[in-house]
Amino acid sequence: MLIKNVIENKLQVLQPHFLEVINESYKHNVPKGSESHFKVIIVADAFEGKRLVARHRMVNAMLADELRSIHALVLNTMTPAEWADRDEAVHDSPPCLGGSSRKHSEPAG
C-alpha cells in the first residue's frame, strides 16, 4: 500500500472535516515515484483547545512508523474555525533548494 494511503487511513481516527495528503516528493531530488516528502492538511475538532505543538505531536505519534521511512512531513493542522478563517486554503510549499541537484557556484575573487 502507498504511504500516502496509509497516512490517510491512520488519520481517519481524528474524524477530519477535511483531509488532504499530498506527495511532494517530485519537487525534490529523489527517484521518480518516491514517497519521501509529504504535506498533510487536516481539519478536525480534535485540535480544539490544543496548541500547534500538541497538534503536531498528536499526528506524529499516529504516524510514528511512517516517519521512520519518509524524509519530510509538513503539517497543517487546523480546527474548523481556523480553516474557515483561511478561506479553506493553505500556502504552497516552497521549492526545494537542497540536495545534489542544487547548483553551487564558487564565490568570485
N, C-alpha and C. Protein backbone atom coordinates (compact mmCIF):
# COMPACT_ATOMS: atom_id res chain seq x y z
N MET A 1 0.85 -1.18 0.00
CA MET A 1 0.00 0.00 0.00
C MET A 1 0.89 1.24 0.00
N LEU A 2 0.50 2.26 -0.73
CA LEU A 2 1.24 3.50 -0.78
C LEU A 2 1.26 4.18 0.58
N ILE A 3 2.38 4.80 0.92
CA ILE A 3 2.49 5.51 2.19
C ILE A 3 1.42 6.59 2.29
N LYS A 4 1.14 7.26 1.19
CA LYS A 4 0.09 8.29 1.16
C LYS A 4 -1.23 7.71 1.66
N ASN A 5 -1.60 6.53 1.19
CA ASN A 5 -2.85 5.89 1.60
C ASN A 5 -2.81 5.48 3.07
N VAL A 6 -1.67 5.02 3.53
CA VAL A 6 -1.54 4.63 4.93
C VAL A 6 -1.75 5.86 5.82
N ILE A 7 -1.13 6.98 5.45
CA ILE A 7 -1.30 8.22 6.21
C ILE A 7 -2.77 8.62 6.25
N GLU A 8 -3.42 8.61 5.10
CA GLU A 8 -4.85 8.96 5.04
C GLU A 8 -5.68 8.05 5.94
N ASN A 9 -5.42 6.76 5.88
CA ASN A 9 -6.18 5.80 6.69
C ASN A 9 -5.97 6.01 8.18
N LYS A 10 -4.72 6.21 8.59
CA LYS A 10 -4.44 6.38 10.02
C LYS A 10 -5.05 7.66 10.57
N LEU A 11 -5.09 8.71 9.78
CA LEU A 11 -5.61 9.98 10.27
C LEU A 11 -7.13 10.04 10.33
N GLN A 12 -7.80 9.04 9.77
CA GLN A 12 -9.26 8.98 9.83
C GLN A 12 -9.76 8.87 11.26
N VAL A 13 -8.93 8.40 12.17
CA VAL A 13 -9.33 8.28 13.57
C VAL A 13 -9.68 9.66 14.15
N LEU A 14 -9.14 10.73 13.58
CA LEU A 14 -9.44 12.08 14.03
C LEU A 14 -10.76 12.61 13.48
N GLN A 15 -11.43 11.82 12.66
CA GLN A 15 -12.70 12.21 12.04
C GLN A 15 -12.60 13.60 11.42
N PRO A 16 -11.67 13.76 10.47
CA PRO A 16 -11.44 15.09 9.91
C PRO A 16 -12.61 15.62 9.09
N HIS A 17 -12.80 16.92 9.20
CA HIS A 17 -13.75 17.62 8.34
C HIS A 17 -13.15 17.73 6.94
N PHE A 18 -11.82 17.84 6.90
CA PHE A 18 -11.09 17.91 5.63
C PHE A 18 -9.74 17.24 5.85
N LEU A 19 -9.32 16.46 4.89
CA LEU A 19 -8.01 15.81 4.94
C LEU A 19 -7.47 15.71 3.52
N GLU A 20 -6.26 16.19 3.34
CA GLU A 20 -5.57 16.02 2.07
C GLU A 20 -4.12 15.66 2.37
N VAL A 21 -3.66 14.58 1.77
CA VAL A 21 -2.28 14.15 1.91
C VAL A 21 -1.66 14.27 0.52
N ILE A 22 -0.63 15.09 0.42
CA ILE A 22 0.00 15.39 -0.86
C ILE A 22 1.42 14.85 -0.86
N ASN A 23 1.73 14.02 -1.84
CA ASN A 23 3.09 13.54 -2.01
C ASN A 23 3.86 14.61 -2.79
N GLU A 24 4.76 15.31 -2.11
CA GLU A 24 5.54 16.37 -2.73
C GLU A 24 6.95 15.92 -3.09
N SER A 25 7.16 14.63 -3.13
CA SER A 25 8.49 14.10 -3.42
C SER A 25 9.01 14.54 -4.78
N TYR A 26 8.12 14.69 -5.75
CA TYR A 26 8.52 15.08 -7.10
C TYR A 26 9.22 16.44 -7.13
N LYS A 27 9.05 17.25 -6.09
CA LYS A 27 9.68 18.56 -6.02
C LYS A 27 11.13 18.49 -5.55
N HIS A 28 11.57 17.31 -5.22
CA HIS A 28 12.89 17.12 -4.63
C HIS A 28 13.74 16.21 -5.50
N ASN A 29 15.02 16.15 -5.19
CA ASN A 29 15.96 15.35 -5.96
C ASN A 29 15.91 13.90 -5.48
N VAL A 30 14.83 13.22 -5.86
CA VAL A 30 14.63 11.82 -5.49
C VAL A 30 14.19 11.06 -6.74
N PRO A 31 14.32 9.74 -6.75
CA PRO A 31 13.88 8.97 -7.92
C PRO A 31 12.38 9.14 -8.17
N LYS A 32 12.00 9.06 -9.43
CA LYS A 32 10.60 9.15 -9.82
C LYS A 32 9.79 8.09 -9.06
N GLY A 33 8.63 8.47 -8.57
CA GLY A 33 7.77 7.55 -7.84
C GLY A 33 8.08 7.44 -6.35
N SER A 34 9.03 8.25 -5.87
CA SER A 34 9.40 8.19 -4.46
C SER A 34 8.26 8.68 -3.56
N GLU A 35 8.30 8.22 -2.34
CA GLU A 35 7.37 8.67 -1.30
C GLU A 35 8.21 9.11 -0.10
N SER A 36 8.84 10.26 -0.24
CA SER A 36 9.77 10.72 0.78
C SER A 36 9.37 12.05 1.41
N HIS A 37 8.55 12.85 0.74
CA HIS A 37 8.17 14.17 1.22
C HIS A 37 6.65 14.32 1.12
N PHE A 38 6.01 14.61 2.25
CA PHE A 38 4.55 14.72 2.26
C PHE A 38 4.10 16.00 2.93
N LYS A 39 2.95 16.47 2.49
CA LYS A 39 2.27 17.60 3.12
C LYS A 39 0.88 17.10 3.51
N VAL A 40 0.50 17.33 4.76
CA VAL A 40 -0.80 16.92 5.27
C VAL A 40 -1.57 18.18 5.68
N ILE A 41 -2.76 18.30 5.15
CA ILE A 41 -3.69 19.35 5.55
C ILE A 41 -4.85 18.63 6.23
N ILE A 42 -5.02 18.90 7.52
CA ILE A 42 -6.08 18.20 8.26
C ILE A 42 -6.82 19.18 9.14
N VAL A 43 -8.14 19.11 9.06
CA VAL A 43 -9.04 19.96 9.82
C VAL A 43 -9.89 19.04 10.69
N ALA A 44 -9.79 19.22 12.01
CA ALA A 44 -10.51 18.31 12.91
C ALA A 44 -10.88 18.99 14.22
N ASP A 45 -12.01 18.61 14.76
CA ASP A 45 -12.44 19.10 16.07
C ASP A 45 -11.45 18.68 17.16
N ALA A 46 -10.73 17.60 16.93
CA ALA A 46 -9.77 17.09 17.92
C ALA A 46 -8.67 18.10 18.24
N PHE A 47 -8.49 19.11 17.39
CA PHE A 47 -7.45 20.11 17.62
C PHE A 47 -7.93 21.30 18.46
N GLU A 48 -9.23 21.35 18.74
CA GLU A 48 -9.78 22.44 19.55
C GLU A 48 -9.05 22.53 20.89
N GLY A 49 -8.64 23.74 21.26
CA GLY A 49 -8.00 23.97 22.54
C GLY A 49 -6.57 23.48 22.64
N LYS A 50 -6.01 22.97 21.56
CA LYS A 50 -4.63 22.48 21.59
C LYS A 50 -3.72 23.44 20.83
N ARG A 51 -2.54 23.64 21.37
CA ARG A 51 -1.54 24.46 20.70
C ARG A 51 -0.97 23.69 19.52
N LEU A 52 -0.33 24.42 18.63
CA LEU A 52 0.23 23.82 17.41
C LEU A 52 1.16 22.65 17.71
N VAL A 53 2.02 22.81 18.69
CA VAL A 53 2.97 21.73 19.03
C VAL A 53 2.23 20.47 19.46
N ALA A 54 1.18 20.62 20.25
CA ALA A 54 0.41 19.47 20.70
C ALA A 54 -0.30 18.79 19.53
N ARG A 55 -0.79 19.58 18.60
CA ARG A 55 -1.44 19.01 17.40
C ARG A 55 -0.44 18.20 16.59
N HIS A 56 0.74 18.78 16.39
CA HIS A 56 1.76 18.09 15.60
C HIS A 56 2.23 16.82 16.31
N ARG A 57 2.38 16.88 17.60
CA ARG A 57 2.78 15.69 18.36
C ARG A 57 1.73 14.59 18.22
N MET A 58 0.46 14.99 18.25
CA MET A 58 -0.63 14.02 18.11
C MET A 58 -0.54 13.31 16.76
N VAL A 59 -0.37 14.07 15.69
CA VAL A 59 -0.28 13.49 14.35
C VAL A 59 1.01 12.67 14.22
N ASN A 60 2.12 13.20 14.70
CA ASN A 60 3.39 12.47 14.61
C ASN A 60 3.32 11.14 15.35
N ALA A 61 2.65 11.10 16.48
CA ALA A 61 2.51 9.84 17.22
C ALA A 61 1.72 8.82 16.41
N MET A 62 0.67 9.29 15.73
CA MET A 62 -0.13 8.38 14.90
C MET A 62 0.66 7.84 13.71
N LEU A 63 1.62 8.63 13.25
CA LEU A 63 2.38 8.27 12.04
C LEU A 63 3.82 7.86 12.36
N ALA A 64 4.06 7.43 13.59
CA ALA A 64 5.42 7.09 14.02
C ALA A 64 6.10 6.09 13.10
N ASP A 65 5.40 5.06 12.68
CA ASP A 65 6.00 4.05 11.80
C ASP A 65 6.37 4.65 10.45
N GLU A 66 5.51 5.47 9.89
CA GLU A 66 5.75 6.07 8.58
C GLU A 66 6.89 7.09 8.64
N LEU A 67 7.03 7.77 9.76
CA LEU A 67 8.09 8.77 9.90
C LEU A 67 9.47 8.14 9.87
N ARG A 68 9.56 6.87 10.10
CA ARG A 68 10.85 6.17 10.02
C ARG A 68 11.32 6.02 8.57
N SER A 69 10.38 6.07 7.62
CA SER A 69 10.75 5.80 6.24
C SER A 69 10.57 7.01 5.30
N ILE A 70 10.11 8.14 5.82
CA ILE A 70 9.99 9.32 4.97
C ILE A 70 10.96 10.39 5.46
N HIS A 71 11.29 11.31 4.57
CA HIS A 71 12.28 12.33 4.88
C HIS A 71 11.65 13.58 5.49
N ALA A 72 10.47 13.97 4.98
CA ALA A 72 9.87 15.23 5.44
C ALA A 72 8.35 15.12 5.50
N LEU A 73 7.79 15.76 6.53
CA LEU A 73 6.35 15.81 6.69
C LEU A 73 5.96 17.22 7.10
N VAL A 74 5.24 17.91 6.24
CA VAL A 74 4.73 19.25 6.53
C VAL A 74 3.30 19.07 7.04
N LEU A 75 3.02 19.65 8.20
CA LEU A 75 1.69 19.51 8.79
C LEU A 75 0.98 20.86 8.85
N ASN A 76 -0.24 20.87 8.36
CA ASN A 76 -1.16 22.00 8.50
C ASN A 76 -2.34 21.45 9.29
N THR A 77 -2.35 21.70 10.60
CA THR A 77 -3.37 21.16 11.50
C THR A 77 -4.26 22.29 11.96
N MET A 78 -5.54 22.22 11.65
CA MET A 78 -6.45 23.33 11.96
C MET A 78 -7.77 22.83 12.53
N THR A 79 -8.41 23.71 13.27
CA THR A 79 -9.78 23.49 13.71
C THR A 79 -10.69 23.94 12.56
N PRO A 80 -11.95 23.56 12.57
CA PRO A 80 -12.86 24.04 11.52
C PRO A 80 -12.92 25.57 11.42
N ALA A 81 -12.90 26.27 12.56
CA ALA A 81 -12.95 27.74 12.54
C ALA A 81 -11.69 28.32 11.91
N GLU A 82 -10.54 27.75 12.24
CA GLU A 82 -9.28 28.23 11.65
C GLU A 82 -9.26 28.00 10.14
N TRP A 83 -9.78 26.86 9.72
CA TRP A 83 -9.86 26.52 8.30
C TRP A 83 -10.76 27.52 7.58
N ALA A 84 -11.87 27.85 8.18
CA ALA A 84 -12.80 28.83 7.59
C ALA A 84 -12.14 30.20 7.51
N ASP A 85 -11.38 30.59 8.54
CA ASP A 85 -10.68 31.88 8.54
C ASP A 85 -9.65 31.97 7.41
N ARG A 86 -9.12 30.84 6.99
CA ARG A 86 -8.14 30.80 5.89
C ARG A 86 -8.83 30.65 4.54
N ASP A 87 -10.13 30.73 4.53
CA ASP A 87 -10.90 30.52 3.30
C ASP A 87 -10.62 29.14 2.70
N GLU A 88 -10.41 28.18 3.61
CA GLU A 88 -10.19 26.78 3.23
C GLU A 88 -9.03 26.64 2.23
N ALA A 89 -7.93 27.31 2.55
CA ALA A 89 -6.75 27.26 1.67
C ALA A 89 -5.47 27.27 2.51
N VAL A 90 -4.42 26.71 1.95
CA VAL A 90 -3.09 26.76 2.56
C VAL A 90 -2.09 27.21 1.50
N HIS A 91 -0.96 27.67 1.96
CA HIS A 91 0.09 28.12 1.05
C HIS A 91 0.78 26.94 0.40
N ASP A 92 1.28 27.14 -0.81
CA ASP A 92 2.08 26.13 -1.47
C ASP A 92 3.39 25.98 -0.73
N SER A 93 3.96 24.79 -0.78
CA SER A 93 5.27 24.56 -0.19
C SER A 93 6.32 25.26 -1.04
N PRO A 94 7.39 25.76 -0.41
CA PRO A 94 8.44 26.40 -1.19
C PRO A 94 9.21 25.37 -2.01
N PRO A 95 9.88 25.83 -3.05
CA PRO A 95 10.67 24.88 -3.86
C PRO A 95 11.85 24.34 -3.05
N CYS A 96 12.27 23.17 -3.40
CA CYS A 96 13.42 22.53 -2.75
C CYS A 96 14.70 23.27 -3.17
N LEU A 97 15.54 23.60 -2.21
CA LEU A 97 16.80 24.28 -2.51
C LEU A 97 18.01 23.42 -2.19
N GLY A 98 17.78 22.23 -1.69
CA GLY A 98 18.89 21.39 -1.27
C GLY A 98 19.09 20.20 -2.18
N GLY A 99 19.89 19.28 -1.71
CA GLY A 99 20.14 18.06 -2.45
C GLY A 99 21.20 18.25 -3.51
N SER A 100 21.56 17.18 -4.16
CA SER A 100 22.64 17.23 -5.14
C SER A 100 22.24 17.89 -6.44
N SER A 101 20.95 18.22 -6.61
CA SER A 101 20.54 18.89 -7.84
C SER A 101 20.77 20.39 -7.78
N ARG A 102 21.09 20.91 -6.61
CA ARG A 102 21.31 22.34 -6.46
C ARG A 102 22.66 22.71 -7.06
N LYS A 103 22.66 23.76 -7.84
CA LYS A 103 23.89 24.26 -8.45
C LYS A 103 24.59 25.18 -7.44
N HIS A 104 25.83 24.83 -7.11
CA HIS A 104 26.60 25.67 -6.20
C HIS A 104 27.61 26.42 -7.03
N SER A 105 27.71 27.69 -6.83
CA SER A 105 28.71 28.47 -7.57
C SER A 105 29.82 28.88 -6.64
N GLU A 106 31.00 28.98 -7.19
CA GLU A 106 32.15 29.40 -6.42
C GLU A 106 32.11 30.91 -6.26
N PRO A 107 32.48 31.40 -5.10
CA PRO A 107 32.50 32.85 -4.92
C PRO A 107 33.54 33.48 -5.84
N ALA A 108 33.21 34.65 -6.32
CA ALA A 108 34.15 35.37 -7.20
C ALA A 108 35.32 35.88 -6.37
N GLY A 109 36.49 35.93 -6.99
CA GLY A 109 37.60 36.53 -6.27
C GLY A 109 38.83 35.84 -6.38
